[in-house]
Amino acid sequence: MKNGDKKKLYIVDVDYETWGYDMIIYNHTGSKSYGDDDIPFGKIDFIELAE
């Protein structure tokens, strides 16, 4: 994250909401059926993908 935080999460969806920004919908459980929270792309410094 741009603030220095690191997050390990499971991406459920990438969405554009009425607030006017793109975001990643994610959870920490690995469930593919729902997301717990979101992160706007503007707060992300880089994304590292893992298998």
N, C-alpha and C. Protein backbone atom coordinates (compact mmCIF):
# COMPACT_ATOMS: atom_id res chain seq x y z
N MET A 1 0.84 -1.17 0.00
CA MET A 1 0.00 0.00 0.00
C MET A 1 0.89 1.24 0.00
N LYS A 2 0.36 2.33 -0.46
CA LYS A 2 1.13 3.58 -0.50
C LYS A 2 1.51 4.06 0.89
N ASN A 3 0.78 3.64 1.93
CA ASN A 3 1.11 4.05 3.29
C ASN A 3 2.12 3.12 3.96
N GLY A 4 2.63 2.13 3.22
CA GLY A 4 3.64 1.22 3.73
C GLY A 4 3.10 -0.11 4.23
N ASP A 5 1.78 -0.22 4.43
CA ASP A 5 1.18 -1.47 4.86
C ASP A 5 1.28 -2.53 3.77
N LYS A 6 1.36 -3.80 4.19
CA LYS A 6 1.29 -4.93 3.26
C LYS A 6 0.09 -5.75 3.66
N LYS A 7 -0.65 -6.26 2.65
CA LYS A 7 -1.83 -7.07 2.91
C LYS A 7 -1.75 -8.34 2.08
N LYS A 8 -2.06 -9.46 2.72
CA LYS A 8 -2.24 -10.72 1.99
C LYS A 8 -3.74 -10.94 1.95
N LEU A 9 -4.29 -11.01 0.73
CA LEU A 9 -5.74 -11.11 0.60
C LEU A 9 -6.11 -11.90 -0.63
N TYR A 10 -7.37 -12.25 -0.71
CA TYR A 10 -7.93 -12.97 -1.84
C TYR A 10 -8.83 -12.02 -2.61
N ILE A 11 -8.51 -11.80 -3.87
CA ILE A 11 -9.30 -10.88 -4.70
C ILE A 11 -10.55 -11.60 -5.18
N VAL A 12 -11.70 -10.99 -4.92
CA VAL A 12 -12.99 -11.54 -5.33
C VAL A 12 -13.49 -10.88 -6.60
N ASP A 13 -13.25 -9.57 -6.73
CA ASP A 13 -13.79 -8.81 -7.86
C ASP A 13 -13.02 -7.51 -7.99
N VAL A 14 -13.06 -6.94 -9.18
CA VAL A 14 -12.58 -5.59 -9.43
C VAL A 14 -13.78 -4.82 -9.94
N ASP A 15 -14.07 -3.68 -9.33
CA ASP A 15 -15.33 -3.02 -9.60
C ASP A 15 -15.14 -1.51 -9.68
N TYR A 16 -16.07 -0.87 -10.36
CA TYR A 16 -16.14 0.59 -10.41
C TYR A 16 -17.47 0.97 -9.76
N GLU A 17 -17.40 1.68 -8.67
CA GLU A 17 -18.60 2.03 -7.93
C GLU A 17 -19.02 3.47 -8.19
N THR A 18 -20.18 3.82 -7.69
CA THR A 18 -20.73 5.16 -7.90
C THR A 18 -19.91 6.25 -7.24
N TRP A 19 -18.97 5.88 -6.35
CA TRP A 19 -18.11 6.88 -5.73
C TRP A 19 -17.08 7.41 -6.71
N GLY A 20 -16.96 6.78 -7.87
CA GLY A 20 -16.10 7.29 -8.92
C GLY A 20 -14.68 6.79 -8.93
N TYR A 21 -14.43 5.62 -8.36
CA TYR A 21 -13.08 5.07 -8.41
C TYR A 21 -13.13 3.55 -8.56
N ASP A 22 -12.07 3.01 -9.18
CA ASP A 22 -11.93 1.56 -9.32
C ASP A 22 -11.44 0.99 -8.00
N MET A 23 -11.91 -0.21 -7.67
CA MET A 23 -11.51 -0.81 -6.40
C MET A 23 -11.40 -2.32 -6.54
N ILE A 24 -10.62 -2.90 -5.65
CA ILE A 24 -10.52 -4.35 -5.52
C ILE A 24 -11.42 -4.76 -4.36
N ILE A 25 -12.31 -5.71 -4.62
CA ILE A 25 -13.14 -6.29 -3.56
C ILE A 25 -12.41 -7.54 -3.09
N TYR A 26 -12.20 -7.69 -1.78
CA TYR A 26 -11.38 -8.79 -1.29
C TYR A 26 -11.93 -9.38 0.00
N ASN A 27 -11.35 -10.53 0.38
CA ASN A 27 -11.59 -11.12 1.69
C ASN A 27 -10.31 -11.81 2.14
N HIS A 28 -10.31 -12.30 3.36
CA HIS A 28 -9.14 -12.98 3.93
C HIS A 28 -9.36 -14.48 4.06
N THR A 29 -10.55 -14.97 3.66
CA THR A 29 -10.89 -16.37 3.86
C THR A 29 -10.66 -17.26 2.64
N GLY A 30 -10.56 -16.65 1.46
CA GLY A 30 -10.42 -17.44 0.25
C GLY A 30 -11.74 -17.77 -0.41
N SER A 31 -12.85 -17.34 0.18
CA SER A 31 -14.17 -17.59 -0.40
C SER A 31 -14.30 -16.82 -1.71
N LYS A 32 -14.84 -17.48 -2.73
CA LYS A 32 -15.03 -16.82 -4.02
C LYS A 32 -16.41 -16.18 -4.13
N SER A 33 -17.25 -16.36 -3.10
CA SER A 33 -18.63 -15.91 -3.20
C SER A 33 -18.89 -14.53 -2.62
N TYR A 34 -17.98 -13.97 -1.85
CA TYR A 34 -18.24 -12.65 -1.29
C TYR A 34 -16.94 -11.96 -0.92
N GLY A 35 -17.01 -10.66 -0.82
CA GLY A 35 -15.88 -9.86 -0.37
C GLY A 35 -16.21 -9.16 0.92
N ASP A 36 -15.24 -9.07 1.81
CA ASP A 36 -15.43 -8.42 3.10
C ASP A 36 -15.22 -6.92 3.04
N ASP A 37 -14.36 -6.47 2.14
CA ASP A 37 -13.96 -5.07 2.15
C ASP A 37 -13.46 -4.68 0.76
N ASP A 38 -13.07 -3.43 0.61
CA ASP A 38 -12.55 -2.96 -0.67
C ASP A 38 -11.34 -2.06 -0.45
N ILE A 39 -10.52 -1.97 -1.50
CA ILE A 39 -9.36 -1.08 -1.52
C ILE A 39 -9.41 -0.30 -2.82
N PRO A 40 -9.46 1.03 -2.78
CA PRO A 40 -9.39 1.81 -4.01
C PRO A 40 -8.00 1.68 -4.64
N PHE A 41 -7.95 1.63 -5.97
CA PHE A 41 -6.67 1.53 -6.66
C PHE A 41 -5.74 2.69 -6.31
N GLY A 42 -6.29 3.84 -5.98
CA GLY A 42 -5.47 5.01 -5.62
C GLY A 42 -4.64 4.81 -4.37
N LYS A 43 -4.97 3.81 -3.54
CA LYS A 43 -4.21 3.54 -2.32
C LYS A 43 -3.18 2.43 -2.49
N ILE A 44 -3.15 1.81 -3.69
CA ILE A 44 -2.25 0.68 -3.94
C ILE A 44 -0.98 1.15 -4.61
N ASP A 45 0.16 0.77 -4.03
CA ASP A 45 1.46 1.09 -4.62
C ASP A 45 1.82 0.06 -5.68
N PHE A 46 1.75 -1.23 -5.34
CA PHE A 46 1.96 -2.29 -6.32
C PHE A 46 1.25 -3.56 -5.84
N ILE A 47 1.04 -4.48 -6.77
CA ILE A 47 0.38 -5.75 -6.48
C ILE A 47 1.34 -6.88 -6.85
N GLU A 48 1.58 -7.77 -5.92
CA GLU A 48 2.42 -8.95 -6.17
C GLU A 48 1.49 -10.16 -6.13
N LEU A 49 1.43 -10.90 -7.23
CA LEU A 49 0.56 -12.07 -7.32
C LEU A 49 1.32 -13.32 -6.90
N ALA A 50 0.61 -14.24 -6.23
CA ALA A 50 1.18 -15.51 -5.83
C ALA A 50 0.27 -16.63 -6.31
N GLU A 51 0.83 -17.82 -6.46
CA GLU A 51 0.04 -18.98 -6.88
C GLU A 51 -0.61 -19.62 -5.69
